[in-house]
Amino acid sequence: LLVIGRPITGAPDPGAAAASIAAALRRMTDK
């Protein structure tokens, strides 16, 4: 479990920032 705060909550769109990190982790898992 990764704790991430300001890179997400400090972004202009926290939802988009969370989605981007989630997508990167899924791509890594798929590989």
mmCIF file of all heavy atoms, coordinates in Angstrom:
data_MODEL
# 
_entry.id   MODEL 
# 
loop_
_atom_site.group_PDB 
_atom_site.id 
_atom_site.type_symbol 
_atom_site.label_atom_id 
_atom_site.label_alt_id 
_atom_site.label_comp_id 
_atom_site.label_asym_id 
_atom_site.label_entity_id 
_atom_site.label_seq_id 
_atom_site.pdbx_PDB_ins_code 
_atom_site.Cartn_x 
_atom_site.Cartn_y 
_atom_site.Cartn_z 
_atom_site.occupancy 
_atom_site.B_iso_or_equiv 
_atom_site.pdbx_formal_charge 
_atom_site.auth_seq_id 
_atom_site.auth_comp_id 
_atom_site.auth_asym_id 
_atom_site.auth_atom_id 
_atom_site.pdbx_PDB_model_num 
ATOM 1   N N   . LEU A 1 1  ? 0.859  -1.186 0.000   1.00 0.00 ? 1  LEU A N   1 
ATOM 2   C CA  . LEU A 1 1  ? 0.000  0.000  0.000   1.00 0.00 ? 1  LEU A CA  1 
ATOM 3   C C   . LEU A 1 1  ? 0.895  1.236  0.000   1.00 0.00 ? 1  LEU A C   1 
ATOM 4   O O   . LEU A 1 1  ? 1.764  1.379  0.860   1.00 0.00 ? 1  LEU A O   1 
ATOM 5   C CB  . LEU A 1 1  ? -0.906 -0.001 1.236   1.00 0.00 ? 1  LEU A CB  1 
ATOM 6   C CG  . LEU A 1 1  ? -1.915 1.143  1.344   1.00 0.00 ? 1  LEU A CG  1 
ATOM 7   C CD1 . LEU A 1 1  ? -2.962 1.063  0.220   1.00 0.00 ? 1  LEU A CD1 1 
ATOM 8   C CD2 . LEU A 1 1  ? -2.621 1.107  2.714   1.00 0.00 ? 1  LEU A CD2 1 
ATOM 9   N N   . LEU A 1 2  ? 0.675  2.127  -0.963  1.00 0.00 ? 2  LEU A N   1 
ATOM 10  C CA  . LEU A 1 2  ? 1.478  3.333  -1.096  1.00 0.00 ? 2  LEU A CA  1 
ATOM 11  C C   . LEU A 1 2  ? 0.714  4.524  -0.536  1.00 0.00 ? 2  LEU A C   1 
ATOM 12  O O   . LEU A 1 2  ? -0.442 4.743  -0.902  1.00 0.00 ? 2  LEU A O   1 
ATOM 13  C CB  . LEU A 1 2  ? 1.787  3.606  -2.570  1.00 0.00 ? 2  LEU A CB  1 
ATOM 14  C CG  . LEU A 1 2  ? 2.287  2.432  -3.410  1.00 0.00 ? 2  LEU A CG  1 
ATOM 15  C CD1 . LEU A 1 2  ? 2.528  2.885  -4.846  1.00 0.00 ? 2  LEU A CD1 1 
ATOM 16  C CD2 . LEU A 1 2  ? 3.541  1.829  -2.804  1.00 0.00 ? 2  LEU A CD2 1 
ATOM 17  N N   . VAL A 1 3  ? 1.345  5.287  0.331   1.00 0.00 ? 3  VAL A N   1 
ATOM 18  C CA  . VAL A 1 3  ? 0.736  6.509  0.852   1.00 0.00 ? 3  VAL A CA  1 
ATOM 19  C C   . VAL A 1 3  ? 1.202  7.677  -0.007  1.00 0.00 ? 3  VAL A C   1 
ATOM 20  O O   . VAL A 1 3  ? 2.401  7.961  -0.085  1.00 0.00 ? 3  VAL A O   1 
ATOM 21  C CB  . VAL A 1 3  ? 1.112  6.751  2.321   1.00 0.00 ? 3  VAL A CB  1 
ATOM 22  C CG1 . VAL A 1 3  ? 0.492  8.060  2.815   1.00 0.00 ? 3  VAL A CG1 1 
ATOM 23  C CG2 . VAL A 1 3  ? 0.645  5.586  3.191   1.00 0.00 ? 3  VAL A CG2 1 
ATOM 24  N N   . ILE A 1 4  ? 0.264  8.337  -0.662  1.00 0.00 ? 4  ILE A N   1 
ATOM 25  C CA  . ILE A 1 4  ? 0.580  9.483  -1.519  1.00 0.00 ? 4  ILE A CA  1 
ATOM 26  C C   . ILE A 1 4  ? -0.377 10.607 -1.161  1.00 0.00 ? 4  ILE A C   1 
ATOM 27  O O   . ILE A 1 4  ? -1.589 10.410 -1.130  1.00 0.00 ? 4  ILE A O   1 
ATOM 28  C CB  . ILE A 1 4  ? 0.447  9.129  -3.019  1.00 0.00 ? 4  ILE A CB  1 
ATOM 29  C CG1 . ILE A 1 4  ? 1.301  7.895  -3.356  1.00 0.00 ? 4  ILE A CG1 1 
ATOM 30  C CG2 . ILE A 1 4  ? 0.856  10.318 -3.886  1.00 0.00 ? 4  ILE A CG2 1 
ATOM 31  C CD1 . ILE A 1 4  ? 1.155  7.425  -4.796  1.00 0.00 ? 4  ILE A CD1 1 
ATOM 32  N N   . GLY A 1 5  ? 0.176  11.785 -0.872  1.00 0.00 ? 5  GLY A N   1 
ATOM 33  C CA  . GLY A 1 5  ? -0.656 12.908 -0.478  1.00 0.00 ? 5  GLY A CA  1 
ATOM 34  C C   . GLY A 1 5  ? -0.597 14.040 -1.471  1.00 0.00 ? 5  GLY A C   1 
ATOM 35  O O   . GLY A 1 5  ? -1.353 14.100 -2.434  1.00 0.00 ? 5  GLY A O   1 
ATOM 36  N N   . ARG A 1 6  ? 0.349  14.960 -1.257  1.00 0.00 ? 6  ARG A N   1 
ATOM 37  C CA  . ARG A 1 6  ? 0.381  16.207 -2.021  1.00 0.00 ? 6  ARG A CA  1 
ATOM 38  C C   . ARG A 1 6  ? 0.510  16.048 -3.536  1.00 0.00 ? 6  ARG A C   1 
ATOM 39  O O   . ARG A 1 6  ? -0.074 16.848 -4.273  1.00 0.00 ? 6  ARG A O   1 
ATOM 40  C CB  . ARG A 1 6  ? 1.475  17.112 -1.451  1.00 0.00 ? 6  ARG A CB  1 
ATOM 41  C CG  . ARG A 1 6  ? 1.079  17.699 -0.094  1.00 0.00 ? 6  ARG A CG  1 
ATOM 42  C CD  . ARG A 1 6  ? 2.252  18.258 0.677   1.00 0.00 ? 6  ARG A CD  1 
ATOM 43  N NE  . ARG A 1 6  ? 3.097  17.190 1.210   1.00 0.00 ? 6  ARG A NE  1 
ATOM 44  C CZ  . ARG A 1 6  ? 4.082  17.395 2.079   1.00 0.00 ? 6  ARG A CZ  1 
ATOM 45  N NH1 . ARG A 1 6  ? 4.359  18.618 2.489   1.00 0.00 ? 6  ARG A NH1 1 
ATOM 46  N NH2 . ARG A 1 6  ? 4.799  16.385 2.525   1.00 0.00 ? 6  ARG A NH2 1 
ATOM 47  N N   . PRO A 1 7  ? 1.219  15.030 -4.065  1.00 0.00 ? 7  PRO A N   1 
ATOM 48  C CA  . PRO A 1 7  ? 1.224  14.876 -5.518  1.00 0.00 ? 7  PRO A CA  1 
ATOM 49  C C   . PRO A 1 7  ? -0.173 14.649 -6.100  1.00 0.00 ? 7  PRO A C   1 
ATOM 50  O O   . PRO A 1 7  ? -0.404 14.918 -7.284  1.00 0.00 ? 7  PRO A O   1 
ATOM 51  C CB  . PRO A 1 7  ? 2.127  13.655 -5.733  1.00 0.00 ? 7  PRO A CB  1 
ATOM 52  C CG  . PRO A 1 7  ? 3.061  13.690 -4.571  1.00 0.00 ? 7  PRO A CG  1 
ATOM 53  C CD  . PRO A 1 7  ? 2.197  14.134 -3.414  1.00 0.00 ? 7  PRO A CD  1 
ATOM 54  N N   . ILE A 1 8  ? -1.106 14.162 -5.273  1.00 0.00 ? 8  ILE A N   1 
ATOM 55  C CA  . ILE A 1 8  ? -2.486 13.987 -5.715  1.00 0.00 ? 8  ILE A CA  1 
ATOM 56  C C   . ILE A 1 8  ? -3.358 15.149 -5.269  1.00 0.00 ? 8  ILE A C   1 
ATOM 57  O O   . ILE A 1 8  ? -3.997 15.819 -6.080  1.00 0.00 ? 8  ILE A O   1 
ATOM 58  C CB  . ILE A 1 8  ? -3.063 12.646 -5.188  1.00 0.00 ? 8  ILE A CB  1 
ATOM 59  C CG1 . ILE A 1 8  ? -2.368 11.461 -5.878  1.00 0.00 ? 8  ILE A CG1 1 
ATOM 60  C CG2 . ILE A 1 8  ? -4.579 12.580 -5.413  1.00 0.00 ? 8  ILE A CG2 1 
ATOM 61  C CD1 . ILE A 1 8  ? -2.784 10.109 -5.346  1.00 0.00 ? 8  ILE A CD1 1 
ATOM 62  N N   . THR A 1 9  ? -3.369 15.432 -3.970  1.00 0.00 ? 9  THR A N   1 
ATOM 63  C CA  . THR A 1 9  ? -4.294 16.451 -3.461  1.00 0.00 ? 9  THR A CA  1 
ATOM 64  C C   . THR A 1 9  ? -3.878 17.865 -3.848  1.00 0.00 ? 9  THR A C   1 
ATOM 65  O O   . THR A 1 9  ? -4.715 18.778 -3.865  1.00 0.00 ? 9  THR A O   1 
ATOM 66  C CB  . THR A 1 9  ? -4.411 16.359 -1.935  1.00 0.00 ? 9  THR A CB  1 
ATOM 67  O OG1 . THR A 1 9  ? -3.112 16.538 -1.333  1.00 0.00 ? 9  THR A OG1 1 
ATOM 68  C CG2 . THR A 1 9  ? -4.977 14.990 -1.515  1.00 0.00 ? 9  THR A CG2 1 
ATOM 69  N N   . GLY A 1 10 ? -2.599 18.062 -4.155  1.00 0.00 ? 10 GLY A N   1 
ATOM 70  C CA  . GLY A 1 10 ? -2.134 19.378 -4.569  1.00 0.00 ? 10 GLY A CA  1 
ATOM 71  C C   . GLY A 1 10 ? -2.238 19.616 -6.064  1.00 0.00 ? 10 GLY A C   1 
ATOM 72  O O   . GLY A 1 10 ? -1.920 20.706 -6.543  1.00 0.00 ? 10 GLY A O   1 
ATOM 73  N N   . ALA A 1 11 ? -2.697 18.610 -6.806  1.00 0.00 ? 11 ALA A N   1 
ATOM 74  C CA  . ALA A 1 11 ? -2.841 18.748 -8.255  1.00 0.00 ? 11 ALA A CA  1 
ATOM 75  C C   . ALA A 1 11 ? -4.099 19.555 -8.583  1.00 0.00 ? 11 ALA A C   1 
ATOM 76  O O   . ALA A 1 11 ? -5.047 19.583 -7.794  1.00 0.00 ? 11 ALA A O   1 
ATOM 77  C CB  . ALA A 1 11 ? -2.926 17.364 -8.899  1.00 0.00 ? 11 ALA A CB  1 
ATOM 78  N N   . PRO A 1 12 ? -4.127 20.197 -9.745  1.00 0.00 ? 12 PRO A N   1 
ATOM 79  C CA  . PRO A 1 12 ? -5.338 20.936 -10.135 1.00 0.00 ? 12 PRO A CA  1 
ATOM 80  C C   . PRO A 1 12 ? -6.580 20.062 -10.150 1.00 0.00 ? 12 PRO A C   1 
ATOM 81  O O   . PRO A 1 12 ? -7.673 20.524 -9.834  1.00 0.00 ? 12 PRO A O   1 
ATOM 82  C CB  . PRO A 1 12 ? -4.985 21.448 -11.540 1.00 0.00 ? 12 PRO A CB  1 
ATOM 83  C CG  . PRO A 1 12 ? -3.491 21.509 -11.572 1.00 0.00 ? 12 PRO A CG  1 
ATOM 84  C CD  . PRO A 1 12 ? -3.026 20.363 -10.718 1.00 0.00 ? 12 PRO A CD  1 
ATOM 85  N N   . ASP A 1 13 ? -6.420 18.795 -10.522 1.00 0.00 ? 13 ASP A N   1 
ATOM 86  C CA  . ASP A 1 13 ? -7.526 17.833 -10.527 1.00 0.00 ? 13 ASP A CA  1 
ATOM 87  C C   . ASP A 1 13 ? -7.067 16.585 -9.781  1.00 0.00 ? 13 ASP A C   1 
ATOM 88  O O   . ASP A 1 13 ? -6.419 15.709 -10.373 1.00 0.00 ? 13 ASP A O   1 
ATOM 89  C CB  . ASP A 1 13 ? -7.922 17.492 -11.963 1.00 0.00 ? 13 ASP A CB  1 
ATOM 90  C CG  . ASP A 1 13 ? -9.115 16.544 -12.044 1.00 0.00 ? 13 ASP A CG  1 
ATOM 91  O OD1 . ASP A 1 13 ? -9.446 15.904 -11.026 1.00 0.00 ? 13 ASP A OD1 1 
ATOM 92  O OD2 . ASP A 1 13 ? -9.720 16.449 -13.126 1.00 0.00 ? 13 ASP A OD2 1 
ATOM 93  N N   . PRO A 1 14 ? -7.361 16.479 -8.470  1.00 0.00 ? 14 PRO A N   1 
ATOM 94  C CA  . PRO A 1 14 ? -6.904 15.322 -7.703  1.00 0.00 ? 14 PRO A CA  1 
ATOM 95  C C   . PRO A 1 14 ? -7.384 13.984 -8.272  1.00 0.00 ? 14 PRO A C   1 
ATOM 96  O O   . PRO A 1 14 ? -6.654 12.990 -8.227  1.00 0.00 ? 14 PRO A O   1 
ATOM 97  C CB  . PRO A 1 14 ? -7.484 15.575 -6.308  1.00 0.00 ? 14 PRO A CB  1 
ATOM 98  C CG  . PRO A 1 14 ? -7.612 17.060 -6.232  1.00 0.00 ? 14 PRO A CG  1 
ATOM 99  C CD  . PRO A 1 14 ? -8.007 17.487 -7.607  1.00 0.00 ? 14 PRO A CD  1 
ATOM 100 N N   . GLY A 1 15 ? -8.598 13.964 -8.803  1.00 0.00 ? 15 GLY A N   1 
ATOM 101 C CA  . GLY A 1 15 ? -9.103 12.726 -9.382  1.00 0.00 ? 15 GLY A CA  1 
ATOM 102 C C   . GLY A 1 15 ? -8.274 12.283 -10.565 1.00 0.00 ? 15 GLY A C   1 
ATOM 103 O O   . GLY A 1 15 ? -7.925 11.095 -10.694 1.00 0.00 ? 15 GLY A O   1 
ATOM 104 N N   . ALA A 1 16 ? -7.920 13.220 -11.433 1.00 0.00 ? 16 ALA A N   1 
ATOM 105 C CA  . ALA A 1 16 ? -7.100 12.896 -12.597 1.00 0.00 ? 16 ALA A CA  1 
ATOM 106 C C   . ALA A 1 16 ? -5.700 12.457 -12.177 1.00 0.00 ? 16 ALA A C   1 
ATOM 107 O O   . ALA A 1 16 ? -5.116 11.535 -12.763 1.00 0.00 ? 16 ALA A O   1 
ATOM 108 C CB  . ALA A 1 16 ? -7.025 14.091 -13.531 1.00 0.00 ? 16 ALA A CB  1 
ATOM 109 N N   . ALA A 1 17 ? -5.148 13.105 -11.155 1.00 0.00 ? 17 ALA A N   1 
ATOM 110 C CA  . ALA A 1 17 ? -3.816 12.724 -10.668 1.00 0.00 ? 17 ALA A CA  1 
ATOM 111 C C   . ALA A 1 17 ? -3.828 11.309 -10.105 1.00 0.00 ? 17 ALA A C   1 
ATOM 112 O O   . ALA A 1 17 ? -2.915 10.507 -10.358 1.00 0.00 ? 17 ALA A O   1 
ATOM 113 C CB  . ALA A 1 17 ? -3.347 13.718 -9.605  1.00 0.00 ? 17 ALA A CB  1 
ATOM 114 N N   . ALA A 1 18 ? -4.883 10.979 -9.337  1.00 0.00 ? 18 ALA A N   1 
ATOM 115 C CA  . ALA A 1 18 ? -5.016 9.621  -8.790  1.00 0.00 ? 18 ALA A CA  1 
ATOM 116 C C   . ALA A 1 18 ? -5.178 8.610  -9.919  1.00 0.00 ? 18 ALA A C   1 
ATOM 117 O O   . ALA A 1 18 ? -4.588 7.519  -9.886  1.00 0.00 ? 18 ALA A O   1 
ATOM 118 C CB  . ALA A 1 18 ? -6.198 9.554  -7.833  1.00 0.00 ? 18 ALA A CB  1 
ATOM 119 N N   . ALA A 1 19 ? -5.978 8.958  -10.921 1.00 0.00 ? 19 ALA A N   1 
ATOM 120 C CA  . ALA A 1 19 ? -6.203 8.056  -12.047 1.00 0.00 ? 19 ALA A CA  1 
ATOM 121 C C   . ALA A 1 19 ? -4.910 7.799  -12.809 1.00 0.00 ? 19 ALA A C   1 
ATOM 122 O O   . ALA A 1 19 ? -4.645 6.669  -13.256 1.00 0.00 ? 19 ALA A O   1 
ATOM 123 C CB  . ALA A 1 19 ? -7.254 8.640  -12.980 1.00 0.00 ? 19 ALA A CB  1 
ATOM 124 N N   . SER A 1 20 ? -4.076 8.832  -12.964 1.00 0.00 ? 20 SER A N   1 
ATOM 125 C CA  . SER A 1 20 ? -2.812 8.685  -13.682 1.00 0.00 ? 20 SER A CA  1 
ATOM 126 C C   . SER A 1 20 ? -1.865 7.735  -12.962 1.00 0.00 ? 20 SER A C   1 
ATOM 127 O O   . SER A 1 20 ? -1.235 6.867  -13.583 1.00 0.00 ? 20 SER A O   1 
ATOM 128 C CB  . SER A 1 20 ? -2.162 10.066 -13.851 1.00 0.00 ? 20 SER A CB  1 
ATOM 129 O OG  . SER A 1 20 ? -0.900 9.947  -14.466 1.00 0.00 ? 20 SER A OG  1 
ATOM 130 N N   . ILE A 1 21 ? -1.766 7.894  -11.635 1.00 0.00 ? 21 ILE A N   1 
ATOM 131 C CA  . ILE A 1 21 ? -0.898 7.008  -10.854 1.00 0.00 ? 21 ILE A CA  1 
ATOM 132 C C   . ILE A 1 21 ? -1.434 5.578  -10.897 1.00 0.00 ? 21 ILE A C   1 
ATOM 133 O O   . ILE A 1 21 ? -0.682 4.612  -11.058 1.00 0.00 ? 21 ILE A O   1 
ATOM 134 C CB  . ILE A 1 21 ? -0.780 7.519  -9.411  1.00 0.00 ? 21 ILE A CB  1 
ATOM 135 C CG1 . ILE A 1 21 ? 0.038  8.821  -9.393  1.00 0.00 ? 21 ILE A CG1 1 
ATOM 136 C CG2 . ILE A 1 21 ? -0.140 6.473  -8.499  1.00 0.00 ? 21 ILE A CG2 1 
ATOM 137 C CD1 . ILE A 1 21 ? 0.035  9.539  -8.059  1.00 0.00 ? 21 ILE A CD1 1 
ATOM 138 N N   . ALA A 1 22 ? -2.750 5.420  -10.768 1.00 0.00 ? 22 ALA A N   1 
ATOM 139 C CA  . ALA A 1 22 ? -3.358 4.088  -10.818 1.00 0.00 ? 22 ALA A CA  1 
ATOM 140 C C   . ALA A 1 22 ? -3.096 3.424  -12.164 1.00 0.00 ? 22 ALA A C   1 
ATOM 141 O O   . ALA A 1 22 ? -2.778 2.220  -12.230 1.00 0.00 ? 22 ALA A O   1 
ATOM 142 C CB  . ALA A 1 22 ? -4.860 4.189  -10.554 1.00 0.00 ? 22 ALA A CB  1 
ATOM 143 N N   . ALA A 1 23 ? -3.203 4.191  -13.241 1.00 0.00 ? 23 ALA A N   1 
ATOM 144 C CA  . ALA A 1 23 ? -2.966 3.636  -14.574 1.00 0.00 ? 23 ALA A CA  1 
ATOM 145 C C   . ALA A 1 23 ? -1.514 3.188  -14.735 1.00 0.00 ? 23 ALA A C   1 
ATOM 146 O O   . ALA A 1 23 ? -1.235 2.137  -15.332 1.00 0.00 ? 23 ALA A O   1 
ATOM 147 C CB  . ALA A 1 23 ? -3.325 4.663  -15.635 1.00 0.00 ? 23 ALA A CB  1 
ATOM 148 N N   . ALA A 1 24 ? -0.578 3.977  -14.212 1.00 0.00 ? 24 ALA A N   1 
ATOM 149 C CA  . ALA A 1 24 ? 0.839  3.613  -14.300 1.00 0.00 ? 24 ALA A CA  1 
ATOM 150 C C   . ALA A 1 24 ? 1.114  2.314  -13.552 1.00 0.00 ? 24 ALA A C   1 
ATOM 151 O O   . ALA A 1 24 ? 1.873  1.453  -14.028 1.00 0.00 ? 24 ALA A O   1 
ATOM 152 C CB  . ALA A 1 24 ? 1.698  4.742  -13.742 1.00 0.00 ? 24 ALA A CB  1 
ATOM 153 N N   . LEU A 1 25 ? 0.481  2.147  -12.392 1.00 0.00 ? 25 LEU A N   1 
ATOM 154 C CA  . LEU A 1 25 ? 0.674  0.914  -11.624 1.00 0.00 ? 25 LEU A CA  1 
ATOM 155 C C   . LEU A 1 25 ? 0.051  -0.276 -12.339 1.00 0.00 ? 25 LEU A C   1 
ATOM 156 O O   . LEU A 1 25 ? 0.612  -1.377 -12.331 1.00 0.00 ? 25 LEU A O   1 
ATOM 157 C CB  . LEU A 1 25 ? 0.078  1.073  -10.223 1.00 0.00 ? 25 LEU A CB  1 
ATOM 158 C CG  . LEU A 1 25 ? 0.809  2.055  -9.303  1.00 0.00 ? 25 LEU A CG  1 
ATOM 159 C CD1 . LEU A 1 25 ? 0.049  2.217  -7.989  1.00 0.00 ? 25 LEU A CD1 1 
ATOM 160 C CD2 . LEU A 1 25 ? 2.242  1.596  -9.030  1.00 0.00 ? 25 LEU A CD2 1 
ATOM 161 N N   . ARG A 1 26 ? -1.097 -0.071 -12.985 1.00 0.00 ? 26 ARG A N   1 
ATOM 162 C CA  . ARG A 1 26 ? -1.708 -1.170 -13.739 1.00 0.00 ? 26 ARG A CA  1 
ATOM 163 C C   . ARG A 1 26 ? -0.835 -1.581 -14.918 1.00 0.00 ? 26 ARG A C   1 
ATOM 164 O O   . ARG A 1 26 ? -0.675 -2.768 -15.197 1.00 0.00 ? 26 ARG A O   1 
ATOM 165 C CB  . ARG A 1 26 ? -3.102 -0.765 -14.240 1.00 0.00 ? 26 ARG A CB  1 
ATOM 166 C CG  . ARG A 1 26 ? -4.194 -0.881 -13.194 1.00 0.00 ? 26 ARG A CG  1 
ATOM 167 C CD  . ARG A 1 26 ? -5.568 -0.831 -13.822 1.00 0.00 ? 26 ARG A CD  1 
ATOM 168 N NE  . ARG A 1 26 ? -5.811 0.422  -14.524 1.00 0.00 ? 26 ARG A NE  1 
ATOM 169 C CZ  . ARG A 1 26 ? -6.281 1.527  -13.937 1.00 0.00 ? 26 ARG A CZ  1 
ATOM 170 N NH1 . ARG A 1 26 ? -6.546 1.515  -12.638 1.00 0.00 ? 26 ARG A NH1 1 
ATOM 171 N NH2 . ARG A 1 26 ? -6.484 2.631  -14.641 1.00 0.00 ? 26 ARG A NH2 1 
ATOM 172 N N   . ARG A 1 27 ? -0.266 -0.603 -15.609 1.00 0.00 ? 27 ARG A N   1 
ATOM 173 C CA  . ARG A 1 27 ? 0.611  -0.928 -16.740 1.00 0.00 ? 27 ARG A CA  1 
ATOM 174 C C   . ARG A 1 27 ? 1.810  -1.740 -16.268 1.00 0.00 ? 27 ARG A C   1 
ATOM 175 O O   . ARG A 1 27 ? 2.227  -2.692 -16.933 1.00 0.00 ? 27 ARG A O   1 
ATOM 176 C CB  . ARG A 1 27 ? 1.082  0.359  -17.417 1.00 0.00 ? 27 ARG A CB  1 
ATOM 177 C CG  . ARG A 1 27 ? 0.017  1.051  -18.250 1.00 0.00 ? 27 ARG A CG  1 
ATOM 178 C CD  . ARG A 1 27 ? 0.618  2.104  -19.155 1.00 0.00 ? 27 ARG A CD  1 
ATOM 179 N NE  . ARG A 1 27 ? 1.245  3.190  -18.418 1.00 0.00 ? 27 ARG A NE  1 
ATOM 180 C CZ  . ARG A 1 27 ? 0.610  4.293  -18.014 1.00 0.00 ? 27 ARG A CZ  1 
ATOM 181 N NH1 . ARG A 1 27 ? -0.690 4.430  -18.258 1.00 0.00 ? 27 ARG A NH1 1 
ATOM 182 N NH2 . ARG A 1 27 ? 1.256  5.231  -17.347 1.00 0.00 ? 27 ARG A NH2 1 
ATOM 183 N N   . MET A 1 28 ? 2.356  -1.368 -15.125 1.00 0.00 ? 28 MET A N   1 
ATOM 184 C CA  . MET A 1 28 ? 3.501  -2.098 -14.596 1.00 0.00 ? 28 MET A CA  1 
ATOM 185 C C   . MET A 1 28 ? 3.106  -3.536 -14.243 1.00 0.00 ? 28 MET A C   1 
ATOM 186 O O   . MET A 1 28 ? 3.828  -4.495 -14.565 1.00 0.00 ? 28 MET A O   1 
ATOM 187 C CB  . MET A 1 28 ? 4.019  -1.384 -13.344 1.00 0.00 ? 28 MET A CB  1 
ATOM 188 C CG  . MET A 1 28 ? 5.279  -2.002 -12.765 1.00 0.00 ? 28 MET A CG  1 
ATOM 189 S SD  . MET A 1 28 ? 5.615  -1.361 -11.121 1.00 0.00 ? 28 MET A SD  1 
ATOM 190 C CE  . MET A 1 28 ? 4.345  -2.211 -10.186 1.00 0.00 ? 28 MET A CE  1 
ATOM 191 N N   . THR A 1 29 ? 1.945  -3.702 -13.620 1.00 0.00 ? 29 THR A N   1 
ATOM 192 C CA  . THR A 1 29 ? 1.469  -5.028 -13.243 1.00 0.00 ? 29 THR A CA  1 
ATOM 193 C C   . THR A 1 29 ? 1.203  -5.883 -14.471 1.00 0.00 ? 29 THR A C   1 
ATOM 194 O O   . THR A 1 29 ? 1.508  -7.077 -14.508 1.00 0.00 ? 29 THR A O   1 
ATOM 195 C CB  . THR A 1 29 ? 0.187  -4.919 -12.398 1.00 0.00 ? 29 THR A CB  1 
ATOM 196 O OG1 . THR A 1 29 ? 0.470  -4.122 -11.248 1.00 0.00 ? 29 THR A OG1 1 
ATOM 197 C CG2 . THR A 1 29 ? -0.284 -6.284 -11.947 1.00 0.00 ? 29 THR A CG2 1 
ATOM 198 N N   . ASP A 1 30 ? 0.629  -5.283 -15.503 1.00 0.00 ? 30 ASP A N   1 
ATOM 199 C CA  . ASP A 1 30 ? 0.318  -6.022 -16.743 1.00 0.00 ? 30 ASP A CA  1 
ATOM 200 C C   . ASP A 1 30 ? 1.563  -6.540 -17.423 1.00 0.00 ? 30 ASP A C   1 
ATOM 201 O O   . ASP A 1 30 ? 1.538  -7.578 -18.106 1.00 0.00 ? 30 ASP A O   1 
ATOM 202 C CB  . ASP A 1 30 ? -0.455 -5.129 -17.715 1.00 0.00 ? 30 ASP A CB  1 
ATOM 203 C CG  . ASP A 1 30 ? -1.861 -4.813 -17.221 1.00 0.00 ? 30 ASP A CG  1 
ATOM 204 O OD1 . ASP A 1 30 ? -2.351 -5.514 -16.321 1.00 0.00 ? 30 ASP A OD1 1 
ATOM 205 O OD2 . ASP A 1 30 ? -2.468 -3.846 -17.738 1.00 0.00 ? 30 ASP A OD2 1 
ATOM 206 N N   . LYS A 1 31 ? 2.698  -5.848 -17.238 1.00 0.00 ? 31 LYS A N   1 
ATOM 207 C CA  . LYS A 1 31 ? 3.938  -6.265 -17.877 1.00 0.00 ? 31 LYS A CA  1 
ATOM 208 C C   . LYS A 1 31 ? 4.611  -7.433 -17.150 1.00 0.00 ? 31 LYS A C   1 
ATOM 209 O O   . LYS A 1 31 ? 5.485  -8.092 -17.700 1.00 0.00 ? 31 LYS A O   1 
ATOM 210 C CB  . LYS A 1 31 ? 4.922  -5.078 -17.928 1.00 0.00 ? 31 LYS A CB  1 
ATOM 211 C CG  . LYS A 1 31 ? 4.496  -3.986 -18.909 1.00 0.00 ? 31 LYS A CG  1 
ATOM 212 C CD  . LYS A 1 31 ? 5.488  -2.841 -18.871 1.00 0.00 ? 31 LYS A CD  1 
ATOM 213 C CE  . LYS A 1 31 ? 5.063  -1.697 -19.790 1.00 0.00 ? 31 LYS A CE  1 
ATOM 214 N NZ  . LYS A 1 31 ? 5.992  -0.548 -19.724 1.00 0.00 ? 31 LYS A NZ  1 
# 
